Amino acid sequence: MFEKLKQLFSGVEEDTAKTTMSLELATAALLIEVSKSDFQQDPVEIEKIHELLVRCFSVSLADIEEFMATATALNKDSTSLYPFTSYINDNCNNLEKYELIVALWEVAIEDGQIDKYEDHLIRKISDLIYLPHTEFIRAKLTTSEKAKPSK
């Protein structure tokens, strides 16, 4: 009986997650998490996620809905940010991590305001991927400047 429990709680599930995880899925799951962190998943935020995935990854417009459904299911099944941030840590350098944080800020600000929950989550993700705090702030300021309407 104990052997079966050991197998249940062993890394078997982790191996499955690692084989199905990709940079695109990890990023999409984190983007989705930010979009729903303020308890209002705004359609403009979802559109921004689509745009970022098409622009930054090999996700085609034809496959975006299926890909988003996969990422949403992966996000929903996860009980923490660990599978996603762990994958990012194992496969990305600091520049790529910085670009991820910029993308998270772009989603957060897309609805016109950065909610305190969005800010907190992005800060948490930044810490979990070991991005220096100065880079976190630079990403936030860069994104905020881009979002300001020009006069």
C-alpha atoms as a PDB file:
ATOM      1  CA  MET A   1       0.000   0.000   0.000  1.00  0.00           C
ATOM      2  CA  PHE A   2       2.804   2.383   0.881  1.00  0.00           C
ATOM      3  CA  GLU A   3       4.495   1.678  -2.426  1.00  0.00           C
ATOM      4  CA  LYS A   4       1.359   2.710  -4.290  1.00  0.00           C
ATOM      5  CA  LEU A   5       1.175   5.912  -2.257  1.00  0.00           C
ATOM      6  CA  LYS A   6       4.838   6.595  -2.974  1.00  0.00           C
ATOM      7  CA  GLN A   7       4.231   6.141  -6.680  1.00  0.00           C
ATOM      8  CA  LEU A   8       1.230   8.425  -6.521  1.00  0.00           C
ATOM      9  CA  PHE A   9       3.192  11.202  -4.857  1.00  0.00           C
ATOM     10  CA  SER A  10       6.459  10.596  -6.674  1.00  0.00           C
ATOM     11  CA  GLY A  11       7.737  12.500  -9.647  1.00  0.00           C
ATOM     12  CA  VAL A  12       5.622  10.579 -12.156  1.00  0.00           C
ATOM     13  CA  GLU A  13       3.304  13.558 -12.543  1.00  0.00           C
ATOM     14  CA  GLU A  14       6.275  15.926 -12.776  1.00  0.00           C
ATOM     15  CA  ASP A  15       7.761  13.893 -15.640  1.00  0.00           C
ATOM     16  CA  THR A  16       4.470  14.116 -17.506  1.00  0.00           C
ATOM     17  CA  ALA A  17       4.279  17.877 -16.941  1.00  0.00           C
ATOM     18  CA  LYS A  18       7.867  18.351 -18.133  1.00  0.00           C
ATOM     19  CA  THR A  19       7.265  16.454 -21.341  1.00  0.00           C
ATOM     20  CA  THR A  20       4.153  18.453 -22.184  1.00  0.00           C
ATOM     21  CA  MET A  21       5.448  21.823 -20.982  1.00  0.00           C
ATOM     22  CA  SER A  22       6.939  24.232 -23.481  1.00  0.00           C
ATOM     23  CA  LEU A  23       8.097  27.820 -23.290  1.00  0.00           C
ATOM     24  CA  GLU A  24       4.972  28.862 -25.182  1.00  0.00           C
ATOM     25  CA  LEU A  25       2.644  27.030 -22.790  1.00  0.00           C
ATOM     26  CA  ALA A  26       4.445  28.251 -19.669  1.00  0.00           C
ATOM     27  CA  THR A  27       4.318  31.831 -20.936  1.00  0.00           C
ATOM     28  CA  ALA A  28       0.675  31.573 -21.991  1.00  0.00           C
ATOM     29  CA  ALA A  29      -0.307  30.124 -18.616  1.00  0.00           C
ATOM     30  CA  LEU A  30       1.405  33.004 -16.792  1.00  0.00           C
ATOM     31  CA  LEU A  31      -0.184  35.573 -19.120  1.00  0.00           C
ATOM     32  CA  ILE A  32      -3.603  34.030 -18.483  1.00  0.00           C
ATOM     33  CA  GLU A  33      -2.961  34.044 -14.739  1.00  0.00           C
ATOM     34  CA  VAL A  34      -2.196  37.783 -14.846  1.00  0.00           C
ATOM     35  CA  SER A  35      -5.283  38.482 -16.963  1.00  0.00           C
ATOM     36  CA  LYS A  36      -7.563  36.884 -14.384  1.00  0.00           C
ATOM     37  CA  SER A  37      -5.718  38.029 -11.249  1.00  0.00           C
ATOM     38  CA  ASP A  38      -7.927  41.128 -10.850  1.00  0.00           C
ATOM     39  CA  PHE A  39     -11.040  38.886 -10.931  1.00  0.00           C
ATOM     40  CA  GLN A  40     -12.108  40.384 -14.287  1.00  0.00           C
ATOM     41  CA  GLN A  41     -10.714  38.664 -17.340  1.00  0.00           C
ATOM     42  CA  ASP A  42     -11.226  41.505 -19.774  1.00  0.00           C
ATOM     43  CA  PRO A  43     -11.610  40.617 -23.484  1.00  0.00           C
ATOM     44  CA  VAL A  44      -8.944  43.193 -24.421  1.00  0.00           C
ATOM     45  CA  GLU A  45      -6.486  41.347 -22.179  1.00  0.00           C
ATOM     46  CA  ILE A  46      -7.278  38.060 -23.929  1.00  0.00           C
ATOM     47  CA  GLU A  47      -6.758  39.746 -27.293  1.00  0.00           C
ATOM     48  CA  LYS A  48      -3.415  41.074 -26.040  1.00  0.00           C
ATOM     49  CA  ILE A  49      -2.400  37.548 -25.022  1.00  0.00           C
ATOM     50  CA  HIS A  50      -3.306  36.316 -28.512  1.00  0.00           C
ATOM     51  CA  GLU A  51      -1.256  39.116 -30.056  1.00  0.00           C
ATOM     52  CA  LEU A  52       1.775  38.392 -27.857  1.00  0.00           C
ATOM     53  CA  LEU A  53       1.684  34.658 -28.564  1.00  0.00           C
ATOM     54  CA  VAL A  54       1.443  35.191 -32.306  1.00  0.00           C
ATOM     55  CA  ARG A  55       4.134  37.892 -32.306  1.00  0.00           C
ATOM     56  CA  CYS A  56       6.636  36.235 -29.964  1.00  0.00           C
ATOM     57  CA  PHE A  57       6.129  32.522 -30.582  1.00  0.00           C
ATOM     58  CA  SER A  58       5.349  30.140 -33.391  1.00  0.00           C
ATOM     59  CA  VAL A  59       1.638  30.069 -32.590  1.00  0.00           C
ATOM     60  CA  SER A  60      -0.340  30.689 -35.760  1.00  0.00           C
ATOM     61  CA  LEU A  61      -3.585  32.636 -35.915  1.00  0.00           C
ATOM     62  CA  ALA A  62      -5.363  29.472 -37.044  1.00  0.00           C
ATOM     63  CA  ASP A  63      -4.191  27.532 -33.975  1.00  0.00           C
ATOM     64  CA  ILE A  64      -4.517  30.278 -31.367  1.00  0.00           C
ATOM     65  CA  GLU A  65      -7.894  29.195 -29.953  1.00  0.00           C
ATOM     66  CA  GLU A  66      -6.821  25.576 -29.515  1.00  0.00           C
ATOM     67  CA  PHE A  67      -3.507  26.688 -28.021  1.00  0.00           C
ATOM     68  CA  MET A  68      -5.270  29.057 -25.600  1.00  0.00           C
ATOM     69  CA  ALA A  69      -7.631  26.251 -24.561  1.00  0.00           C
ATOM     70  CA  THR A  70      -4.630  24.023 -23.821  1.00  0.00           C
ATOM     71  CA  ALA A  71      -2.879  26.788 -21.861  1.00  0.00           C
ATOM     72  CA  THR A  72      -6.067  27.601 -19.945  1.00  0.00           C
ATOM     73  CA  ALA A  73      -6.559  23.947 -19.012  1.00  0.00           C
ATOM     74  CA  LEU A  74      -2.924  23.683 -17.945  1.00  0.00           C
ATOM     75  CA  ASN A  75      -3.339  26.830 -15.858  1.00  0.00           C
ATOM     76  CA  LYS A  76      -6.579  25.601 -14.306  1.00  0.00           C
ATOM     77  CA  ASP A  77      -5.099  22.196 -13.401  1.00  0.00           C
ATOM     78  CA  SER A  78      -2.081  23.760 -11.722  1.00  0.00           C
ATOM     79  CA  THR A  79      -2.180  24.541  -8.027  1.00  0.00           C
ATOM     80  CA  SER A  80       0.793  26.885  -8.139  1.00  0.00           C
ATOM     81  CA  LEU A  81       3.031  28.918 -10.405  1.00  0.00           C
ATOM     82  CA  TYR A  82       5.905  26.501  -9.827  1.00  0.00           C
ATOM     83  CA  PRO A  83       5.592  24.354 -12.986  1.00  0.00           C
ATOM     84  CA  PHE A  84       5.645  27.461 -15.155  1.00  0.00           C
ATOM     85  CA  THR A  85       8.301  29.473 -13.326  1.00  0.00           C
ATOM     86  CA  SER A  86      10.475  26.389 -12.931  1.00  0.00           C
ATOM     87  CA  TYR A  87      10.341  25.778 -16.666  1.00  0.00           C
ATOM     88  CA  ILE A  88      11.208  29.443 -17.299  1.00  0.00           C
ATOM     89  CA  ASN A  89      14.169  29.229 -14.902  1.00  0.00           C
ATOM     90  CA  ASP A  90      15.468  26.075 -16.541  1.00  0.00           C
ATOM     91  CA  ASN A  91      15.153  27.330 -20.112  1.00  0.00           C
ATOM     92  CA  CYS A  92      15.513  31.115 -20.217  1.00  0.00           C
ATOM     93  CA  ASN A  93      18.259  33.660 -19.728  1.00  0.00           C
ATOM     94  CA  ASN A  94      17.783  37.027 -17.981  1.00  0.00           C
ATOM     95  CA  LEU A  95      16.910  38.847 -21.205  1.00  0.00           C
ATOM     96  CA  GLU A  96      14.141  36.348 -21.980  1.00  0.00           C
ATOM     97  CA  LYS A  97      12.894  36.589 -18.393  1.00  0.00           C
ATOM     98  CA  TYR A  98      12.834  40.375 -18.713  1.00  0.00           C
ATOM     99  CA  GLU A  99      10.832  40.101 -21.945  1.00  0.00           C
ATOM    100  CA  LEU A 100       8.361  37.797 -20.167  1.00  0.00           C
ATOM    101  CA  ILE A 101       7.845  40.373 -17.414  1.00  0.00           C
ATOM    102  CA  VAL A 102       7.331  43.093 -20.038  1.00  0.00           C
ATOM    103  CA  ALA A 103       4.676  40.891 -21.680  1.00  0.00           C
ATOM    104  CA  LEU A 104       2.973  40.349 -18.315  1.00  0.00           C
ATOM    105  CA  TRP A 105       2.885  44.129 -17.765  1.00  0.00           C
ATOM    106  CA  GLU A 106       1.465  44.620 -21.267  1.00  0.00           C
ATOM    107  CA  VAL A 107      -1.427  42.298 -20.441  1.00  0.00           C
ATOM    108  CA  ALA A 108      -1.998  43.929 -17.055  1.00  0.00           C
ATOM    109  CA  ILE A 109      -2.145  47.462 -18.460  1.00  0.00           C
ATOM    110  CA  GLU A 110      -4.192  46.577 -21.542  1.00  0.00           C
ATOM    111  CA  ASP A 111      -7.504  47.383 -19.806  1.00  0.00           C
ATOM    112  CA  GLY A 112      -6.237  50.859 -18.896  1.00  0.00           C
ATOM    113  CA  GLN A 113      -5.151  50.267 -15.317  1.00  0.00           C
ATOM    114  CA  ILE A 114      -2.831  48.069 -13.318  1.00  0.00           C
ATOM    115  CA  ASP A 115      -4.754  46.497 -10.473  1.00  0.00           C
ATOM    116  CA  LYS A 116      -2.969  45.831  -7.171  1.00  0.00           C
ATOM    117  CA  TYR A 117      -3.497  42.088  -7.659  1.00  0.00           C
ATOM    118  CA  GLU A 118      -1.900  42.200 -11.101  1.00  0.00           C
ATOM    119  CA  ASP A 119       1.031  44.174  -9.690  1.00  0.00           C
ATOM    120  CA  HIS A 120       1.449  41.687  -6.844  1.00  0.00           C
ATOM    121  CA  LEU A 121       1.321  38.656  -9.144  1.00  0.00           C
ATOM    122  CA  ILE A 122       3.838  40.070 -11.609  1.00  0.00           C
ATOM    123  CA  ARG A 123       6.155  40.963  -8.721  1.00  0.00           C
ATOM    124  CA  LYS A 124       5.782  37.405  -7.398  1.00  0.00           C
ATOM    125  CA  ILE A 125       6.527  35.868 -10.810  1.00  0.00           C
ATOM    126  CA  SER A 126       9.530  38.161 -11.183  1.00  0.00           C
ATOM    127  CA  ASP A 127      10.852  36.959  -7.831  1.00  0.00           C
ATOM    128  CA  LEU A 128      10.190  33.303  -8.688  1.00  0.00           C
ATOM    129  CA  ILE A 129      12.168  33.551 -11.929  1.00  0.00           C
ATOM    130  CA  TYR A 130      15.000  35.354 -10.137  1.00  0.00           C
ATOM    131  CA  LEU A 131      14.815  38.505 -12.224  1.00  0.00           C
ATOM    132  CA  PRO A 132      16.661  41.352 -10.480  1.00  0.00           C
ATOM    133  CA  HIS A 133      14.310  43.913  -8.940  1.00  0.00           C
ATOM    134  CA  THR A 134      15.816  46.705 -11.036  1.00  0.00           C
ATOM    135  CA  GLU A 135      14.787  44.803 -14.173  1.00  0.00           C
ATOM    136  CA  PHE A 136      11.267  44.311 -12.771  1.00  0.00           C
ATOM    137  CA  ILE A 137      10.966  48.072 -12.254  1.00  0.00           C
ATOM    138  CA  ARG A 138      12.483  48.841 -15.671  1.00  0.00           C
ATOM    139  CA  ALA A 139       9.937  46.531 -17.334  1.00  0.00           C
ATOM    140  CA  LYS A 140       7.061  48.200 -15.496  1.00  0.00           C
ATOM    141  CA  LEU A 141       8.238  51.714 -16.378  1.00  0.00           C
ATOM    142  CA  THR A 142       8.907  50.810 -20.009  1.00  0.00           C
ATOM    143  CA  THR A 143       5.441  49.304 -20.394  1.00  0.00           C
ATOM    144  CA  SER A 144       3.761  52.198 -18.594  1.00  0.00           C
ATOM    145  CA  GLU A 145       5.489  54.710 -20.884  1.00  0.00           C
ATOM    146  CA  LYS A 146       4.354  52.807 -23.990  1.00  0.00           C
ATOM    147  CA  ALA A 147       0.771  52.704 -22.711  1.00  0.00           C
ATOM    148  CA  LYS A 148       0.481  56.445 -22.049  1.00  0.00           C
ATOM    149  CA  PRO A 149      -1.426  58.230 -24.791  1.00  0.00           C
ATOM    150  CA  SER A 150       0.734  60.718 -26.655  1.00  0.00           C
ATOM    151  CA  LYS A 151      -0.419  64.333 -26.710  1.00  0.00           C
END
